[in-house]
Amino acid sequence: MYKTIMVPTDCSGFDREAMRVALRLAERSTAKVHLVRVSGTNAFLGLTGGADGLALSAEALQMELDSELAELHAVAAECRDNTTADVTCAL
């Protein structure tokens, strides 16, 4: 039926019901669940100057990306604890 189920997340907690549905579907169809989060950091897109003219340093950008990725990995680990489906994630 399904091979891969992609679940977008912002790691806010409001997306947990969508994840539960995806995990149930994945278990029934032996599909993989792929959690995807889009970085909210404008500098990630090459837009380093904000409206106030401030620019993020490379270190600040890396810290922000590391933080977002750590949150995503924590959500993926939570999903893995509650399912037999294969769960992967990407930022």
Protein backbone atom coordinates (compact mmCIF):
# COMPACT_ATOMS: atom_id res chain seq x y z
CA MET A 1 0.00 0.00 0.00
CA TYR A 2 2.44 2.69 1.21
CA LYS A 3 6.22 2.57 1.01
CA THR A 4 7.13 5.85 2.67
CA ILE A 5 5.00 8.26 4.70
CA MET A 6 6.42 11.76 5.03
CA VAL A 7 5.32 13.74 8.07
CA PRO A 8 6.19 17.45 8.21
CA THR A 9 6.83 18.73 11.72
CA ASP A 10 7.78 21.91 13.50
CA CYS A 11 8.41 19.97 16.75
CA SER A 12 5.84 22.12 18.54
CA GLY A 13 3.70 19.26 19.80
CA PHE A 14 0.67 20.14 17.72
CA ASP A 15 1.76 17.60 15.11
CA ARG A 16 1.70 14.56 17.41
CA GLU A 17 -1.69 13.33 16.21
CA ALA A 18 -0.48 13.37 12.60
CA MET A 19 2.56 11.38 13.68
CA ARG A 20 0.41 8.81 15.51
CA VAL A 21 -1.73 8.34 12.39
CA ALA A 22 1.36 8.00 10.20
CA LEU A 23 2.89 5.44 12.56
CA ARG A 24 -0.30 3.35 12.61
CA LEU A 25 -0.48 3.42 8.81
CA ALA A 26 3.19 2.51 8.56
CA GLU A 27 2.79 -0.48 10.87
CA ARG A 28 -0.14 -1.80 8.83
CA SER A 29 1.59 -1.39 5.49
CA THR A 30 5.24 -1.93 6.55
CA ALA A 31 6.04 1.56 5.31
CA LYS A 32 8.83 3.81 6.53
CA VAL A 33 8.01 7.06 8.29
CA HIS A 34 10.15 10.06 7.35
CA LEU A 35 9.89 13.10 9.64
CA VAL A 36 10.83 16.34 7.90
CA ARG A 37 11.43 19.74 9.48
CA VAL A 38 12.13 22.93 7.56
CA SER A 39 14.61 25.23 9.24
CA GLY A 40 13.15 28.54 10.31
CA THR A 41 16.53 30.25 10.08
CA ASN A 42 16.59 32.70 7.17
CA ALA A 43 20.37 32.53 7.03
CA PHE A 44 20.05 28.86 6.11
CA LEU A 45 18.52 30.12 2.86
CA GLY A 46 21.30 32.63 2.31
CA LEU A 47 19.32 35.57 3.67
CA THR A 48 21.76 36.67 6.34
CA GLY A 49 20.55 40.25 6.69
CA GLY A 50 17.39 40.77 8.69
CA ALA A 51 14.96 43.67 8.51
CA ASP A 52 17.05 45.49 11.09
CA GLY A 53 20.26 44.85 9.15
CA LEU A 54 21.72 42.35 11.61
CA ALA A 55 23.46 39.30 10.22
CA LEU A 56 23.83 35.92 11.88
CA SER A 57 27.38 34.73 12.33
CA ALA A 58 28.32 31.31 11.02
CA GLU A 59 28.62 30.07 14.60
CA ALA A 60 25.17 31.38 15.57
CA LEU A 61 23.67 29.81 12.47
CA GLN A 62 25.29 26.47 13.22
CA MET A 63 24.04 26.60 16.81
CA GLU A 64 20.49 27.27 15.60
CA LEU A 65 20.63 24.42 13.09
CA ASP A 66 22.09 22.07 15.71
CA SER A 67 19.29 22.98 18.11
CA GLU A 68 16.59 22.36 15.49
CA LEU A 69 18.18 19.04 14.52
CA ALA A 70 18.42 17.94 18.17
CA GLU A 71 14.70 18.66 18.65
CA LEU A 72 13.90 16.67 15.52
CA HIS A 73 16.02 13.72 16.65
CA ALA A 74 14.24 13.77 20.03
CA VAL A 75 10.84 13.60 18.30
CA ALA A 76 12.06 10.76 16.07
CA ALA A 77 13.31 8.86 19.14
CA GLU A 78 9.92 9.33 20.79
CA CYS A 79 8.25 7.90 17.68
CA ARG A 80 10.63 4.92 17.61
CA ASP A 81 9.75 4.14 21.22
CA ASN A 82 6.08 3.79 20.24
CA THR A 83 6.22 1.80 17.01
CA THR A 84 7.82 -1.03 15.14
CA ALA A 85 7.96 1.08 11.96
CA ASP A 86 11.26 2.39 10.59
CA VAL A 87 11.45 6.11 11.48
CA THR A 88 13.97 8.49 9.90
CA CYS A 89 14.24 12.27 9.98
CA ALA A 90 15.77 15.14 8.07
CA LEU A 91 16.17 18.88 8.57
